[in-house]
Amino acid sequence: MNRILIAAALVAVTAFSAAPALAAAAATTAAKPAAAVAAKPAAAAPATVTLSFKLVDANKDGKISYAELKKYFPKLTKAEFAKYDTDKSGFLNKAEFAAFAKAMAPAKPTK
């Protein structure tokens, strides 16, 4: 049952965050010089990512370990986990988890 909830949350992450985030990023990038955009801190994670993050973060330490994520994605390898661990901390933070969730979400059908 938890896997179904996680899968549904991952799909929601993609649906709720992809289009608005891209549109906002495009508008922000066009309106500001490159230096100002680069200095801007990352936007807060969408609520659906936070909800999914909290479900996967079994020990509630605010980060997701390989073992915690492996419970929901049994075929996940350490190399795949490391690909999304961009700060090389050995854990996924919310932004890294959002990138992972987006990559794992099913592809949208083409017309």
N, C-alpha and C. Protein backbone atom coordinates (compact mmCIF):
# COMPACT_ATOMS: atom_id res chain seq x y z
N MET A 1 0.82 -1.19 0.00
CA MET A 1 0.00 0.00 0.00
C MET A 1 0.87 1.26 0.00
N ASN A 2 1.97 1.23 0.78
CA ASN A 2 2.87 2.39 0.81
C ASN A 2 3.48 2.65 -0.55
N ARG A 3 3.79 1.60 -1.29
CA ARG A 3 4.37 1.78 -2.62
C ARG A 3 3.39 2.46 -3.56
N ILE A 4 2.13 2.14 -3.42
CA ILE A 4 1.10 2.78 -4.25
C ILE A 4 1.01 4.26 -3.90
N LEU A 5 1.06 4.56 -2.61
CA LEU A 5 1.01 5.97 -2.19
C LEU A 5 2.22 6.74 -2.68
N ILE A 6 3.39 6.13 -2.60
CA ILE A 6 4.60 6.79 -3.07
C ILE A 6 4.53 7.00 -4.58
N ALA A 7 4.08 5.98 -5.32
CA ALA A 7 3.97 6.13 -6.77
C ALA A 7 3.00 7.24 -7.13
N ALA A 8 1.87 7.30 -6.43
CA ALA A 8 0.89 8.35 -6.69
C ALA A 8 1.47 9.73 -6.36
N ALA A 9 2.22 9.80 -5.28
CA ALA A 9 2.84 11.07 -4.90
C ALA A 9 3.88 11.50 -5.92
N LEU A 10 4.64 10.54 -6.44
CA LEU A 10 5.65 10.87 -7.45
C LEU A 10 5.00 11.39 -8.74
N VAL A 11 3.89 10.79 -9.11
CA VAL A 11 3.17 11.27 -10.29
C VAL A 11 2.65 12.68 -10.03
N ALA A 12 2.15 12.92 -8.83
CA ALA A 12 1.65 14.24 -8.48
C ALA A 12 2.76 15.28 -8.49
N VAL A 13 3.94 14.88 -8.07
CA VAL A 13 5.09 15.80 -8.09
C VAL A 13 5.32 16.29 -9.50
N THR A 14 5.33 15.38 -10.43
CA THR A 14 5.56 15.76 -11.82
C THR A 14 4.44 16.64 -12.34
N ALA A 15 3.21 16.26 -12.06
CA ALA A 15 2.07 17.00 -12.58
C ALA A 15 1.99 18.42 -12.01
N PHE A 16 2.26 18.56 -10.71
CA PHE A 16 2.11 19.86 -10.08
C PHE A 16 3.33 20.76 -10.20
N SER A 17 4.49 20.17 -10.39
CA SER A 17 5.67 21.02 -10.36
C SER A 17 6.31 21.29 -11.72
N ALA A 18 6.13 20.44 -12.68
CA ALA A 18 6.86 20.58 -13.94
C ALA A 18 6.49 21.85 -14.71
N ALA A 19 5.26 21.99 -15.11
CA ALA A 19 4.87 23.11 -15.96
C ALA A 19 4.98 24.47 -15.27
N PRO A 20 4.42 24.66 -14.07
CA PRO A 20 4.54 25.98 -13.44
C PRO A 20 5.99 26.37 -13.15
N ALA A 21 6.79 25.42 -12.75
CA ALA A 21 8.19 25.72 -12.44
C ALA A 21 8.94 26.14 -13.69
N LEU A 22 8.68 25.47 -14.79
CA LEU A 22 9.34 25.82 -16.05
C LEU A 22 8.92 27.20 -16.53
N ALA A 23 7.64 27.49 -16.41
CA ALA A 23 7.15 28.80 -16.84
C ALA A 23 7.73 29.91 -15.96
N ALA A 24 7.77 29.68 -14.66
CA ALA A 24 8.32 30.68 -13.74
C ALA A 24 9.81 30.88 -13.99
N ALA A 25 10.52 29.79 -14.24
CA ALA A 25 11.97 29.89 -14.49
C ALA A 25 12.23 30.65 -15.79
N ALA A 26 11.43 30.41 -16.79
CA ALA A 26 11.61 31.10 -18.07
C ALA A 26 11.34 32.60 -17.91
N ALA A 27 10.30 32.94 -17.16
CA ALA A 27 9.98 34.35 -16.96
C ALA A 27 11.06 35.04 -16.13
N THR A 28 11.56 34.34 -15.10
CA THR A 28 12.60 34.91 -14.24
C THR A 28 13.89 35.09 -15.01
N THR A 29 14.27 34.11 -15.80
CA THR A 29 15.52 34.16 -16.55
C THR A 29 15.49 35.29 -17.59
N ALA A 30 14.34 35.47 -18.24
CA ALA A 30 14.23 36.50 -19.26
C ALA A 30 14.27 37.91 -18.66
N ALA A 31 13.78 38.03 -17.42
CA ALA A 31 13.68 39.35 -16.81
C ALA A 31 14.93 39.81 -16.09
N LYS A 32 15.84 38.89 -15.71
CA LYS A 32 17.01 39.25 -14.91
C LYS A 32 18.30 38.86 -15.63
N PRO A 33 19.37 39.57 -15.35
CA PRO A 33 20.66 39.19 -15.91
C PRO A 33 21.10 37.84 -15.34
N ALA A 34 22.00 37.17 -16.05
CA ALA A 34 22.46 35.84 -15.67
C ALA A 34 23.06 35.82 -14.27
N ALA A 35 23.80 36.81 -13.86
CA ALA A 35 24.43 36.83 -12.54
C ALA A 35 23.38 36.84 -11.43
N ALA A 36 22.31 37.57 -11.62
CA ALA A 36 21.26 37.64 -10.61
C ALA A 36 20.53 36.31 -10.51
N VAL A 37 20.31 35.64 -11.62
CA VAL A 37 19.63 34.35 -11.62
C VAL A 37 20.50 33.31 -10.94
N ALA A 38 21.79 33.31 -11.20
CA ALA A 38 22.70 32.32 -10.62
C ALA A 38 22.80 32.50 -9.10
N ALA A 39 22.69 33.71 -8.61
CA ALA A 39 22.83 33.96 -7.18
C ALA A 39 21.56 33.66 -6.40
N LYS A 40 20.44 33.50 -7.09
CA LYS A 40 19.17 33.27 -6.43
C LYS A 40 19.14 31.87 -5.81
N PRO A 41 18.70 31.74 -4.54
CA PRO A 41 18.63 30.42 -3.92
C PRO A 41 17.52 29.58 -4.56
N ALA A 42 17.62 28.27 -4.42
CA ALA A 42 16.64 27.36 -5.00
C ALA A 42 15.27 27.60 -4.37
N ALA A 43 14.23 27.41 -5.19
CA ALA A 43 12.87 27.58 -4.71
C ALA A 43 12.51 26.46 -3.75
N ALA A 44 11.54 26.72 -2.90
CA ALA A 44 11.09 25.71 -1.94
C ALA A 44 10.46 24.54 -2.68
N ALA A 45 10.58 23.37 -2.12
CA ALA A 45 10.03 22.17 -2.73
C ALA A 45 8.50 22.23 -2.69
N PRO A 46 7.84 21.74 -3.75
CA PRO A 46 6.38 21.71 -3.75
C PRO A 46 5.86 20.85 -2.60
N ALA A 47 4.62 21.09 -2.20
CA ALA A 47 4.02 20.36 -1.08
C ALA A 47 3.99 18.87 -1.34
N THR A 48 3.76 18.45 -2.58
CA THR A 48 3.70 17.02 -2.87
C THR A 48 5.06 16.36 -2.68
N VAL A 49 6.14 17.06 -2.99
CA VAL A 49 7.48 16.51 -2.76
C VAL A 49 7.72 16.39 -1.26
N THR A 50 7.31 17.39 -0.50
CA THR A 50 7.49 17.36 0.94
C THR A 50 6.73 16.19 1.54
N LEU A 51 5.50 15.96 1.09
CA LEU A 51 4.70 14.84 1.59
C LEU A 51 5.38 13.52 1.26
N SER A 52 5.82 13.33 0.03
CA SER A 52 6.50 12.10 -0.37
C SER A 52 7.81 11.95 0.40
N PHE A 53 8.52 13.03 0.55
CA PHE A 53 9.80 13.03 1.27
C PHE A 53 9.58 12.53 2.69
N LYS A 54 8.54 13.02 3.33
CA LYS A 54 8.26 12.61 4.70
C LYS A 54 7.90 11.14 4.79
N LEU A 55 7.22 10.61 3.78
CA LEU A 55 6.87 9.18 3.77
C LEU A 55 8.12 8.31 3.63
N VAL A 56 9.02 8.69 2.77
CA VAL A 56 10.21 7.90 2.50
C VAL A 56 11.23 8.04 3.64
N ASP A 57 11.30 9.21 4.26
CA ASP A 57 12.26 9.47 5.33
C ASP A 57 11.79 8.76 6.60
N ALA A 58 12.05 7.46 6.68
CA ALA A 58 11.53 6.61 7.76
C ALA A 58 11.98 7.05 9.14
N ASN A 59 13.23 7.47 9.30
CA ASN A 59 13.73 7.84 10.62
C ASN A 59 13.55 9.33 10.92
N LYS A 60 12.92 10.05 10.02
CA LYS A 60 12.56 11.47 10.21
C LYS A 60 13.75 12.36 10.55
N ASP A 61 14.89 12.09 9.90
CA ASP A 61 16.08 12.91 10.15
C ASP A 61 16.25 14.04 9.14
N GLY A 62 15.29 14.17 8.22
CA GLY A 62 15.34 15.26 7.26
C GLY A 62 16.17 14.98 6.02
N LYS A 63 16.57 13.73 5.85
CA LYS A 63 17.32 13.33 4.66
C LYS A 63 16.99 11.87 4.36
N ILE A 64 17.14 11.49 3.11
CA ILE A 64 16.79 10.14 2.68
C ILE A 64 18.06 9.36 2.36
N SER A 65 18.22 8.24 3.03
CA SER A 65 19.38 7.38 2.79
C SER A 65 19.08 6.42 1.65
N TYR A 66 20.13 5.77 1.18
CA TYR A 66 19.98 4.75 0.14
C TYR A 66 19.05 3.64 0.63
N ALA A 67 19.22 3.20 1.87
CA ALA A 67 18.39 2.12 2.42
C ALA A 67 16.92 2.52 2.49
N GLU A 68 16.64 3.77 2.89
CA GLU A 68 15.25 4.23 2.97
C GLU A 68 14.60 4.25 1.59
N LEU A 69 15.33 4.71 0.58
CA LEU A 69 14.78 4.79 -0.77
C LEU A 69 14.66 3.41 -1.40
N LYS A 70 15.57 2.54 -1.06
CA LYS A 70 15.58 1.18 -1.62
C LYS A 70 14.33 0.40 -1.20
N LYS A 71 13.74 0.74 -0.05
CA LYS A 71 12.50 0.08 0.39
C LYS A 71 11.37 0.31 -0.61
N TYR A 72 11.37 1.47 -1.25
CA TYR A 72 10.30 1.81 -2.19
C TYR A 72 10.70 1.56 -3.64
N PHE A 73 11.98 1.49 -3.90
CA PHE A 73 12.50 1.22 -5.24
C PHE A 73 13.53 0.10 -5.15
N PRO A 74 13.06 -1.16 -5.05
CA PRO A 74 13.96 -2.29 -4.80
C PRO A 74 15.05 -2.48 -5.86
N LYS A 75 14.82 -2.03 -7.08
CA LYS A 75 15.82 -2.20 -8.14
C LYS A 75 16.83 -1.06 -8.19
N LEU A 76 16.73 -0.10 -7.30
CA LEU A 76 17.63 1.04 -7.25
C LEU A 76 19.05 0.59 -6.92
N THR A 77 20.01 1.04 -7.71
CA THR A 77 21.41 0.71 -7.43
C THR A 77 22.08 1.90 -6.73
N LYS A 78 23.22 1.63 -6.12
CA LYS A 78 23.96 2.70 -5.45
C LYS A 78 24.43 3.75 -6.46
N ALA A 79 24.75 3.31 -7.68
CA ALA A 79 25.18 4.25 -8.72
C ALA A 79 24.04 5.18 -9.12
N GLU A 80 22.82 4.65 -9.23
CA GLU A 80 21.67 5.49 -9.56
C GLU A 80 21.40 6.48 -8.42
N PHE A 81 21.50 6.01 -7.18
CA PHE A 81 21.31 6.88 -6.02
C PHE A 81 22.34 8.00 -6.04
N ALA A 82 23.58 7.65 -6.31
CA ALA A 82 24.68 8.63 -6.34
C ALA A 82 24.47 9.68 -7.42
N LYS A 83 23.82 9.29 -8.52
CA LYS A 83 23.54 10.23 -9.61
C LYS A 83 22.68 11.41 -9.14
N TYR A 84 21.76 11.14 -8.23
CA TYR A 84 20.86 12.20 -7.73
C TYR A 84 21.40 12.86 -6.46
N ASP A 85 22.39 12.26 -5.83
CA ASP A 85 23.03 12.85 -4.64
C ASP A 85 24.08 13.85 -5.12
N THR A 86 23.62 15.00 -5.58
CA THR A 86 24.50 15.98 -6.23
C THR A 86 25.51 16.61 -5.29
N ASP A 87 25.20 16.69 -4.00
CA ASP A 87 26.17 17.27 -3.06
C ASP A 87 27.09 16.20 -2.45
N LYS A 88 26.93 14.97 -2.88
CA LYS A 88 27.77 13.83 -2.47
C LYS A 88 27.81 13.64 -0.95
N SER A 89 26.65 13.87 -0.30
CA SER A 89 26.56 13.71 1.15
C SER A 89 26.24 12.28 1.55
N GLY A 90 25.82 11.47 0.59
CA GLY A 90 25.40 10.11 0.92
C GLY A 90 23.91 10.03 1.22
N PHE A 91 23.23 11.17 1.14
CA PHE A 91 21.80 11.26 1.41
C PHE A 91 21.16 12.17 0.36
N LEU A 92 19.84 12.04 0.19
CA LEU A 92 19.12 12.95 -0.69
C LEU A 92 18.40 13.99 0.17
N ASN A 93 18.58 15.27 -0.17
CA ASN A 93 17.80 16.32 0.47
C ASN A 93 16.51 16.49 -0.34
N LYS A 94 15.68 17.45 0.02
CA LYS A 94 14.39 17.60 -0.67
C LYS A 94 14.56 17.93 -2.15
N ALA A 95 15.49 18.79 -2.48
CA ALA A 95 15.69 19.16 -3.89
C ALA A 95 16.20 17.96 -4.70
N GLU A 96 17.12 17.21 -4.13
CA GLU A 96 17.64 16.03 -4.81
C GLU A 96 16.55 14.97 -4.97
N PHE A 97 15.72 14.83 -3.92
CA PHE A 97 14.61 13.88 -3.99
C PHE A 97 13.60 14.31 -5.05
N ALA A 98 13.36 15.61 -5.17
CA ALA A 98 12.44 16.11 -6.19
C ALA A 98 12.95 15.77 -7.58
N ALA A 99 14.26 15.90 -7.80
CA ALA A 99 14.84 15.54 -9.10
C ALA A 99 14.70 14.04 -9.35
N PHE A 100 14.92 13.24 -8.32
CA PHE A 100 14.75 11.79 -8.43
C PHE A 100 13.30 11.46 -8.76
N ALA A 101 12.35 12.08 -8.04
CA ALA A 101 10.93 11.83 -8.26
C ALA A 101 10.52 12.19 -9.67
N LYS A 102 11.02 13.29 -10.17
CA LYS A 102 10.70 13.72 -11.53
C LYS A 102 11.23 12.72 -12.55
N ALA A 103 12.44 12.22 -12.32
CA ALA A 103 13.03 11.25 -13.25
C ALA A 103 12.30 9.91 -13.20
N MET A 104 11.78 9.54 -12.06
CA MET A 104 11.11 8.24 -11.89
C MET A 104 9.64 8.26 -12.31
N ALA A 105 9.08 9.44 -12.47
CA ALA A 105 7.66 9.55 -12.83
C ALA A 105 7.45 9.01 -14.24
N PRO A 106 6.31 8.37 -14.47
CA PRO A 106 6.05 7.85 -15.81
C PRO A 106 6.01 8.97 -16.85
N ALA A 107 6.46 8.64 -18.04
CA ALA A 107 6.47 9.63 -19.13
C ALA A 107 5.05 9.99 -19.52
N LYS A 108 4.86 11.25 -19.88
CA LYS A 108 3.55 11.69 -20.33
C LYS A 108 3.34 11.20 -21.76
N PRO A 109 2.11 10.76 -22.06
CA PRO A 109 1.86 10.27 -23.42
C PRO A 109 1.95 11.41 -24.44
N THR A 110 2.45 11.09 -25.61
CA THR A 110 2.56 12.08 -26.68
C THR A 110 1.32 12.02 -27.55
N LYS A 111 1.01 13.14 -28.17
CA LYS A 111 -0.18 13.19 -29.03
C LYS A 111 0.14 12.76 -30.43
